[in-house]
C-alpha atoms as a PDB file:
ATOM      1  CA  MET A   1      -9.071  -5.026  -7.076  1.00  0.00           C
ATOM      2  CA  GLN A   2     -11.359  -5.185 -10.077  1.00  0.00           C
ATOM      3  CA  ILE A   3     -13.303  -8.225 -11.153  1.00  0.00           C
ATOM      4  CA  VAL A   4     -12.520  -9.584 -14.591  1.00  0.00           C
ATOM      5  CA  THR A   5     -14.625  -7.896 -17.229  1.00  0.00           C
ATOM      6  CA  GLU A   6     -14.396  -7.155 -20.912  1.00  0.00           C
ATOM      7  CA  ASP A   7     -12.654  -3.951 -19.885  1.00  0.00           C
ATOM      8  CA  SER A   8      -9.713  -6.057 -18.725  1.00  0.00           C
ATOM      9  CA  ALA A   9      -8.655  -6.276 -22.347  1.00  0.00           C
ATOM     10  CA  PRO A  10      -6.008  -3.722 -23.328  1.00  0.00           C
ATOM     11  CA  GLN A  11      -8.333  -1.705 -25.580  1.00  0.00           C
ATOM     12  CA  GLY A  12     -11.180  -1.723 -23.093  1.00  0.00           C
ATOM     13  CA  GLY A  13      -8.812  -0.885 -20.248  1.00  0.00           C
ATOM     14  CA  LEU A  14      -7.460   2.132 -22.100  1.00  0.00           C
ATOM     15  CA  ARG A  15     -10.960   3.320 -22.910  1.00  0.00           C
ATOM     16  CA  GLU A  16     -12.053   2.991 -19.308  1.00  0.00           C
ATOM     17  CA  ARG A  17      -8.943   4.789 -18.055  1.00  0.00           C
ATOM     18  CA  LYS A  18      -9.677   7.689 -20.385  1.00  0.00           C
ATOM     19  CA  LYS A  19     -13.262   7.858 -19.163  1.00  0.00           C
ATOM     20  CA  ARG A  20     -12.145   7.835 -15.541  1.00  0.00           C
ATOM     21  CA  ALA A  21      -9.567  10.536 -16.272  1.00  0.00           C
ATOM     22  CA  THR A  22     -12.206  12.748 -17.905  1.00  0.00           C
ATOM     23  CA  ARG A  23     -14.626  12.273 -15.028  1.00  0.00           C
ATOM     24  CA  ALA A  24     -11.866  13.046 -12.508  1.00  0.00           C
ATOM     25  CA  ALA A  25     -10.874  16.182 -14.433  1.00  0.00           C
ATOM     26  CA  LEU A  26     -14.466  17.429 -14.403  1.00  0.00           C
ATOM     27  CA  VAL A  27     -14.836  16.781 -10.670  1.00  0.00           C
ATOM     28  CA  GLU A  28     -11.555  18.516  -9.851  1.00  0.00           C
ATOM     29  CA  ALA A  29     -12.407  21.513 -12.031  1.00  0.00           C
ATOM     30  CA  ALA A  30     -15.838  21.822 -10.416  1.00  0.00           C
ATOM     31  CA  VAL A  31     -14.505  21.586  -6.869  1.00  0.00           C
ATOM     32  CA  ARG A  32     -11.714  24.102  -7.427  1.00  0.00           C
ATOM     33  CA  LEU A  33     -14.022  26.587  -9.146  1.00  0.00           C
ATOM     34  CA  ALA A  34     -16.640  26.203  -6.403  1.00  0.00           C
ATOM     35  CA  ALA A  35     -14.043  26.662  -3.666  1.00  0.00           C
ATOM     36  CA  GLU A  36     -12.964  29.920  -5.301  1.00  0.00           C
ATOM     37  CA  HIS A  37     -16.296  31.353  -6.481  1.00  0.00           C
ATOM     38  CA  GLY A  38     -19.013  29.458  -4.594  1.00  0.00           C
ATOM     39  CA  ALA A  39     -20.866  26.482  -6.024  1.00  0.00           C
ATOM     40  CA  GLU A  40     -23.924  28.551  -6.940  1.00  0.00           C
ATOM     41  CA  ASN A  41     -21.772  30.715  -9.223  1.00  0.00           C
ATOM     42  CA  VAL A  42     -20.184  27.847 -11.161  1.00  0.00           C
ATOM     43  CA  THR A  43     -21.726  26.843 -14.486  1.00  0.00           C
ATOM     44  CA  VAL A  44     -21.457  23.687 -16.564  1.00  0.00           C
ATOM     45  CA  GLU A  45     -19.751  25.764 -19.248  1.00  0.00           C
ATOM     46  CA  ALA A  46     -17.084  26.996 -16.818  1.00  0.00           C
ATOM     47  CA  ILE A  47     -16.454  23.503 -15.468  1.00  0.00           C
ATOM     48  CA  SER A  48     -16.181  22.041 -18.964  1.00  0.00           C
ATOM     49  CA  GLU A  49     -13.802  24.760 -20.119  1.00  0.00           C
ATOM     50  CA  ALA A  50     -11.560  24.281 -17.085  1.00  0.00           C
ATOM     51  CA  ALA A  51     -11.474  20.521 -17.707  1.00  0.00           C
ATOM     52  CA  GLY A  52     -10.778  20.975 -21.410  1.00  0.00           C
ATOM     53  CA  VAL A  53     -13.963  19.330 -22.690  1.00  0.00           C
ATOM     54  CA  SER A  54     -17.274  20.470 -24.142  1.00  0.00           C
ATOM     55  CA  PRO A  55     -20.521  20.926 -22.170  1.00  0.00           C
ATOM     56  CA  ARG A  56     -21.920  18.067 -24.235  1.00  0.00           C
ATOM     57  CA  THR A  57     -19.149  15.829 -22.902  1.00  0.00           C
ATOM     58  CA  PHE A  58     -19.981  16.966 -19.370  1.00  0.00           C
ATOM     59  CA  PHE A  59     -23.493  15.560 -19.734  1.00  0.00           C
ATOM     60  CA  ASN A  60     -22.084  12.246 -20.915  1.00  0.00           C
ATOM     61  CA  TYR A  61     -20.809  11.830 -17.349  1.00  0.00           C
ATOM     62  CA  PHE A  62     -23.262  13.732 -15.159  1.00  0.00           C
ATOM     63  CA  ASP A  63     -27.007  14.233 -15.414  1.00  0.00           C
ATOM     64  CA  SER A  64     -26.909  17.697 -13.875  1.00  0.00           C
ATOM     65  CA  ARG A  65     -24.472  20.336 -12.676  1.00  0.00           C
ATOM     66  CA  ASP A  66     -25.015  19.382  -9.032  1.00  0.00           C
ATOM     67  CA  ASP A  67     -24.059  15.760  -9.678  1.00  0.00           C
ATOM     68  CA  VAL A  68     -20.430  16.686 -10.290  1.00  0.00           C
ATOM     69  CA  PHE A  69     -20.191  18.010  -6.718  1.00  0.00           C
ATOM     70  CA  VAL A  70     -21.615  14.911  -5.029  1.00  0.00           C
ATOM     71  CA  MET A  71     -20.190  12.079  -7.142  1.00  0.00           C
ATOM     72  CA  ILE A  72     -16.566  12.476  -6.058  1.00  0.00           C
ATOM     73  CA  GLY A  73     -15.075   9.050  -5.392  1.00  0.00           C
ATOM     74  CA  ALA A  74     -17.857   7.131  -7.191  1.00  0.00           C
ATOM     75  CA  ASP A  75     -15.431   4.989  -9.200  1.00  0.00           C
ATOM     76  CA  SER A  76     -13.444   4.270  -6.068  1.00  0.00           C
ATOM     77  CA  ARG A  77     -16.484   3.038  -4.180  1.00  0.00           C
ATOM     78  CA  THR A  78     -17.383   0.709  -7.047  1.00  0.00           C
ATOM     79  CA  ARG A  79     -13.894  -0.776  -7.061  1.00  0.00           C
ATOM     80  CA  ILE A  80     -14.056  -1.327  -3.285  1.00  0.00           C
ATOM     81  CA  ARG A  81     -17.242  -3.370  -3.675  1.00  0.00           C
ATOM     82  CA  HIS A  82     -15.642  -5.453  -6.439  1.00  0.00           C
ATOM     83  CA  ALA A  83     -12.573  -6.047  -4.256  1.00  0.00           C
ATOM     84  CA  VAL A  84     -14.663  -7.169  -1.283  1.00  0.00           C
ATOM     85  CA  LEU A  85     -16.275  -9.850  -3.438  1.00  0.00           C
ATOM     86  CA  ALA A  86     -12.946 -10.883  -4.986  1.00  0.00           C
ATOM     87  CA  ALA A  87     -11.101 -11.266  -1.645  1.00  0.00           C
ATOM     88  CA  PRO A  88     -10.101 -14.827  -0.568  1.00  0.00           C
ATOM     89  CA  ALA A  89     -13.062 -16.773   0.774  1.00  0.00           C
ATOM     90  CA  ASP A  90     -11.340 -17.562   4.085  1.00  0.00           C
ATOM     91  CA  LEU A  91     -10.646 -13.902   4.870  1.00  0.00           C
ATOM     92  CA  PRO A  92     -12.903 -12.523   7.648  1.00  0.00           C
ATOM     93  CA  PRO A  93     -15.385  -9.884   6.391  1.00  0.00           C
ATOM     94  CA  LEU A  94     -13.772  -7.034   8.328  1.00  0.00           C
ATOM     95  CA  GLN A  95     -10.357  -7.892   6.897  1.00  0.00           C
ATOM     96  CA  ALA A  96     -11.764  -8.179   3.373  1.00  0.00           C
ATOM     97  CA  LEU A  97     -13.256  -4.713   3.742  1.00  0.00           C
ATOM     98  CA  ARG A  98     -10.043  -3.382   5.271  1.00  0.00           C
ATOM     99  CA  ARG A  99      -7.893  -4.677   2.411  1.00  0.00           C
ATOM    100  CA  ALA A 100     -10.272  -3.362  -0.232  1.00  0.00           C
ATOM    101  CA  MET A 101     -10.366   0.098   1.315  1.00  0.00           C
ATOM    102  CA  ALA A 102      -6.613   0.203   1.994  1.00  0.00           C
ATOM    103  CA  ALA A 103      -5.778  -0.588  -1.626  1.00  0.00           C
ATOM    104  CA  GLU A 104      -8.148   2.083  -2.911  1.00  0.00           C
ATOM    105  CA  LEU A 105      -7.032   4.719  -0.429  1.00  0.00           C
ATOM    106  CA  ALA A 106      -3.320   4.289  -1.149  1.00  0.00           C
ATOM    107  CA  GLU A 107      -3.250   7.572  -3.088  1.00  0.00           C
ATOM    108  CA  VAL A 108      -5.362   9.595  -0.670  1.00  0.00           C
ATOM    109  CA  GLU A 109      -2.375  11.543   0.641  1.00  0.00           C
ATOM    110  CA  HIS A 110      -1.751  12.856  -2.858  1.00  0.00           C
ATOM    111  CA  GLN A 111      -5.371  13.979  -3.246  1.00  0.00           C
ATOM    112  CA  HIS A 112      -6.094  15.322   0.214  1.00  0.00           C
ATOM    113  CA  GLU A 113      -6.167  18.947  -0.966  1.00  0.00           C
ATOM    114  CA  LEU A 114      -9.014  18.167  -3.365  1.00  0.00           C
ATOM    115  CA  TRP A 115     -10.953  16.314  -0.661  1.00  0.00           C
ATOM    116  CA  ARG A 116     -10.386  19.194   1.754  1.00  0.00           C
ATOM    117  CA  LEU A 117     -11.704  21.679  -0.819  1.00  0.00           C
ATOM    118  CA  HIS A 118     -14.659  19.405  -1.505  1.00  0.00           C
ATOM    119  CA  ALA A 119     -15.560  19.357   2.189  1.00  0.00           C
ATOM    120  CA  GLU A 120     -15.294  23.161   2.259  1.00  0.00           C
ATOM    121  CA  VAL A 121     -17.610  23.460  -0.767  1.00  0.00           C
ATOM    122  CA  LEU A 122     -20.210  21.239   0.899  1.00  0.00           C
ATOM    123  CA  ARG A 123     -20.022  23.173   4.169  1.00  0.00           C
ATOM    124  CA  ARG A 124     -20.717  26.401   2.276  1.00  0.00           C
ATOM    125  CA  SER A 125     -23.652  24.903   0.367  1.00  0.00           C
ATOM    126  CA  PRO A 126     -26.282  23.273   2.611  1.00  0.00           C
ATOM    127  CA  ARG A 127     -28.245  22.118  -0.443  1.00  0.00           C
ATOM    128  CA  LEU A 128     -25.270  20.222  -1.855  1.00  0.00           C
ATOM    129  CA  LEU A 129     -24.395  18.890   1.603  1.00  0.00           C
ATOM    130  CA  VAL A 130     -27.847  17.355   2.014  1.00  0.00           C
ATOM    131  CA  ARG A 131     -27.642  15.809  -1.433  1.00  0.00           C
ATOM    132  CA  SER A 132     -24.145  14.508  -0.754  1.00  0.00           C
ATOM    133  CA  LEU A 133     -25.276  12.853   2.473  1.00  0.00           C
ATOM    134  CA  GLY A 134     -27.977  11.077   0.497  1.00  0.00           C
ATOM    135  CA  VAL A 135     -25.390   9.788  -1.962  1.00  0.00           C
ATOM    136  CA  TYR A 136     -23.130   8.564   0.856  1.00  0.00           C
ATOM    137  CA  ALA A 137     -26.066   6.791   2.521  1.00  0.00           C
ATOM    138  CA  SER A 138     -26.891   5.046  -0.739  1.00  0.00           C
ATOM    139  CA  ASP A 139     -23.241   4.039  -1.224  1.00  0.00           C
ATOM    140  CA  GLU A 140     -23.107   2.652   2.306  1.00  0.00           C
ATOM    141  CA  LEU A 141     -26.249   0.644   1.622  1.00  0.00           C
ATOM    142  CA  GLY A 142     -24.669  -0.716  -1.560  1.00  0.00           C
ATOM    143  CA  LEU A 143     -21.560  -1.714   0.390  1.00  0.00           C
ATOM    144  CA  ALA A 144     -23.745  -3.485   2.981  1.00  0.00           C
ATOM    145  CA  GLU A 145     -25.407  -5.434   0.166  1.00  0.00           C
ATOM    146  CA  THR A 146     -21.984  -6.431  -1.140  1.00  0.00           C
ATOM    147  CA  LEU A 147     -20.911  -7.631   2.304  1.00  0.00           C
ATOM    148  CA  ALA A 148     -24.161  -9.565   2.647  1.00  0.00           C
ATOM    149  CA  GLU A 149     -23.462 -11.250  -0.685  1.00  0.00           C
ATOM    150  CA  ARG A 150     -19.969 -12.161   0.462  1.00  0.00           C
ATOM    151  CA  LEU A 151     -21.383 -13.608   3.685  1.00  0.00           C
ATOM    152  CA  GLY A 152     -23.665 -15.853   1.659  1.00  0.00           C
ATOM    153  CA  ALA A 153     -26.851 -13.973   2.364  1.00  0.00           C
ATOM    154  CA  GLY A 154     -27.524 -13.862  -1.360  1.00  0.00           C
ATOM    155  CA  ALA A 155     -27.774 -11.040  -3.825  1.00  0.00           C
ATOM    156  CA  PRO A 156     -29.958  -8.070  -2.862  1.00  0.00           C
ATOM    157  CA  ALA A 157     -33.603  -8.381  -3.754  1.00  0.00           C
ATOM    158  CA  GLU A 158     -34.915  -6.541  -6.787  1.00  0.00           C
ATOM    159  CA  PRO A 159     -36.395  -3.249  -5.531  1.00  0.00           C
ATOM    160  CA  PRO A 160     -40.076  -2.669  -6.255  1.00  0.00           C
ATOM    161  CA  ALA A 161     -41.272   0.170  -8.419  1.00  0.00           C
ATOM    162  CA  GLY A 162     -41.960   3.378  -6.536  1.00  0.00           C
ATOM    163  CA  SER A 163     -40.138   6.199  -4.809  1.00  0.00           C
ATOM    164  CA  ALA A 164     -36.416   6.090  -4.088  1.00  0.00           C
ATOM    165  CA  ALA A 165     -37.166   6.125  -0.362  1.00  0.00           C
ATOM    166  CA  ALA A 166     -39.458   3.118  -0.730  1.00  0.00           C
ATOM    167  CA  ASP A 167     -36.797   1.308  -2.758  1.00  0.00           C
ATOM    168  CA  ASP A 168     -34.164   1.957  -0.077  1.00  0.00           C
ATOM    169  CA  ASP A 169     -36.509   0.725   2.633  1.00  0.00           C
ATOM    170  CA  SER A 170     -37.034  -2.481   0.688  1.00  0.00           C
ATOM    171  CA  ARG A 171     -33.272  -2.940   0.304  1.00  0.00           C
ATOM    172  CA  ARG A 172     -32.708  -2.388   4.032  1.00  0.00           C
ATOM    173  CA  LEU A 173     -35.466  -4.860   4.859  1.00  0.00           C
ATOM    174  CA  ALA A 174     -33.609  -7.515   2.849  1.00  0.00           C
ATOM    175  CA  LEU A 175     -30.418  -7.033   4.889  1.00  0.00           C
ATOM    176  CA  ASP A 176     -29.386  -8.470   8.234  1.00  0.00           C
ATOM    177  CA  LEU A 177     -27.942  -6.199  10.907  1.00  0.00           C
ATOM    178  CA  TYR A 178     -24.333  -7.424  10.650  1.00  0.00           C
ATOM    179  CA  PRO A 179     -23.543  -6.369   7.043  1.00  0.00           C
ATOM    180  CA  ARG A 180     -25.224  -3.004   7.601  1.00  0.00           C
ATOM    181  CA  LEU A 181     -23.250  -2.425  10.798  1.00  0.00           C
ATOM    182  CA  LEU A 182     -19.977  -3.535   9.197  1.00  0.00           C
ATOM    183  CA  ALA A 183     -20.471  -1.214   6.221  1.00  0.00           C
ATOM    184  CA  ALA A 184     -21.321   1.740   8.470  1.00  0.00           C
ATOM    185  CA  VAL A 185     -18.381   1.099  10.803  1.00  0.00           C
ATOM    186  CA  GLY A 186     -15.943   0.746   7.904  1.00  0.00           C
ATOM    187  CA  VAL A 187     -17.077   3.936   6.192  1.00  0.00           C
ATOM    188  CA  THR A 188     -16.975   5.834   9.482  1.00  0.00           C
ATOM    189  CA  ALA A 189     -13.484   4.532  10.279  1.00  0.00           C
ATOM    190  CA  VAL A 190     -12.193   5.864   6.954  1.00  0.00           C
ATOM    191  CA  ARG A 191     -13.812   9.270   7.507  1.00  0.00           C
ATOM    192  CA  VAL A 192     -12.496   9.642  11.062  1.00  0.00           C
ATOM    193  CA  ALA A 193      -9.009   8.435  10.073  1.00  0.00           C
ATOM    194  CA  PHE A 194      -8.882  10.960   7.246  1.00  0.00           C
ATOM    195  CA  GLU A 195     -10.086  13.840   9.432  1.00  0.00           C
ATOM    196  CA  HIS A 196      -7.588  12.862  12.143  1.00  0.00           C
ATOM    197  CA  TRP A 197      -4.722  12.739   9.647  1.00  0.00           C
ATOM    198  CA  CYS A 198      -5.647  16.038   7.964  1.00  0.00           C
ATOM    199  CA  VAL A 199      -4.726  18.030  11.070  1.00  0.00           C
ATOM    200  CA  ARG A 200      -1.609  15.935  11.820  1.00  0.00           C
ATOM    201  CA  GLN A 201      -0.081  15.417   8.393  1.00  0.00           C
ATOM    202  CA  GLU A 202       3.460  16.054   9.583  1.00  0.00           C
ATOM    203  CA  GLU A 203       3.273  13.340  12.227  1.00  0.00           C
ATOM    204  CA  ARG A 204       2.638  10.189  10.191  1.00  0.00           C
ATOM    205  CA  PRO A 205       1.383   8.916   6.824  1.00  0.00           C
ATOM    206  CA  PHE A 206      -2.343   8.532   6.272  1.00  0.00           C
ATOM    207  CA  ALA A 207      -1.902   4.794   5.645  1.00  0.00           C
ATOM    208  CA  ASP A 208      -0.637   4.366   9.221  1.00  0.00           C
ATOM    209  CA  VAL A 209      -3.636   6.224  10.664  1.00  0.00           C
ATOM    210  CA  PHE A 210      -6.001   4.127   8.538  1.00  0.00           C
ATOM    211  CA  GLU A 211      -4.388   0.890   9.716  1.00  0.00           C
ATOM    212  CA  GLU A 212      -4.546   2.000  13.351  1.00  0.00           C
ATOM    213  CA  ALA A 213      -8.253   2.765  13.011  1.00  0.00           C
ATOM    214  CA  PHE A 214      -8.940  -0.733  11.690  1.00  0.00           C
ATOM    215  CA  ASP A 215      -6.663  -2.262  14.339  1.00  0.00           C
ATOM    216  CA  HIS A 216      -8.958  -0.704  16.941  1.00  0.00           C
ATOM    217  CA  LEU A 217     -12.006  -2.149  15.189  1.00  0.00           C
ATOM    218  CA  ALA A 218     -10.431  -5.597  14.939  1.00  0.00           C
ATOM    219  CA  ALA A 219      -9.594  -5.470  18.669  1.00  0.00           C
ATOM    220  CA  GLY A 220     -13.201  -4.670  19.548  1.00  0.00           C
ATOM    221  CA  LEU A 221     -12.492  -0.980  20.290  1.00  0.00           C
ATOM    222  CA  ARG A 222     -10.767  -1.739  23.567  1.00  0.00           C
ATOM    223  CA  ALA A 223      -9.264   1.312  25.256  1.00  0.00           C
ATOM    224  CA  PRO A 224      -5.579   1.706  24.305  1.00  0.00           C
ATOM    225  CA  SER A 225      -3.026   0.712  26.903  1.00  0.00           C
ATOM    226  CA  GLY A 226      -2.286   3.429  29.455  1.00  0.00           C
ATOM    227  CA  THR A 227      -5.628   5.209  29.067  1.00  0.00           C
ATOM    228  CA  ALA A 228      -8.494   5.557  31.518  1.00  0.00           C
ATOM    229  CA  GLY A 229     -11.085   2.824  31.156  1.00  0.00           C
ATOM    230  CA  GLN A 230      -8.628   0.220  29.914  1.00  0.00           C
ATOM    231  CA  ALA A 231     -10.065  -3.239  30.453  1.00  0.00           C
END
């Protein structure tokens, strides 16, 4: 799923894997501590100790304590964007997005407890929830820019200096409706599929629910056979 970079070399790959493992350990420690004690009662020192690193190492990965609670899945989202660009040129955009997300979400069933705890932490902390929504909106915008690039709309324009809100407005202005809609629909399909699976885990694997969600999208969201409103 990743584009070829200098990190593809064995030494670079090992270094990057270690960095990802450290970041993941910090996120997991933070989420589990916050679920038990409340996010407002969790310190950088406690998170670092639980992850087996120093507070100084913590700040090599996150600018602030709050960042560790809202950056879950950041590496995954980056890899999805790389995979969308690397997909075969003749693959329709929706299918390119579907394949990229499916490959990255293959392990979600093994990590669902952490994601469930993360959602619980956000629900109990309105401040972190608001910040997290901002991060997700920015990630969705980045995905839309990637889809626009794949569609041949060109690379996103350089944002002007100014506030973050002004920068985002400029980025949205440079995008057509289709890539923005496709990014939003794809992200929403993943969220709904995951929520649906979480309460029905004994019925079927998450991968099957994910594929069904994208089957519905590919079919134009027609009503399933045997339901009211079927065309």
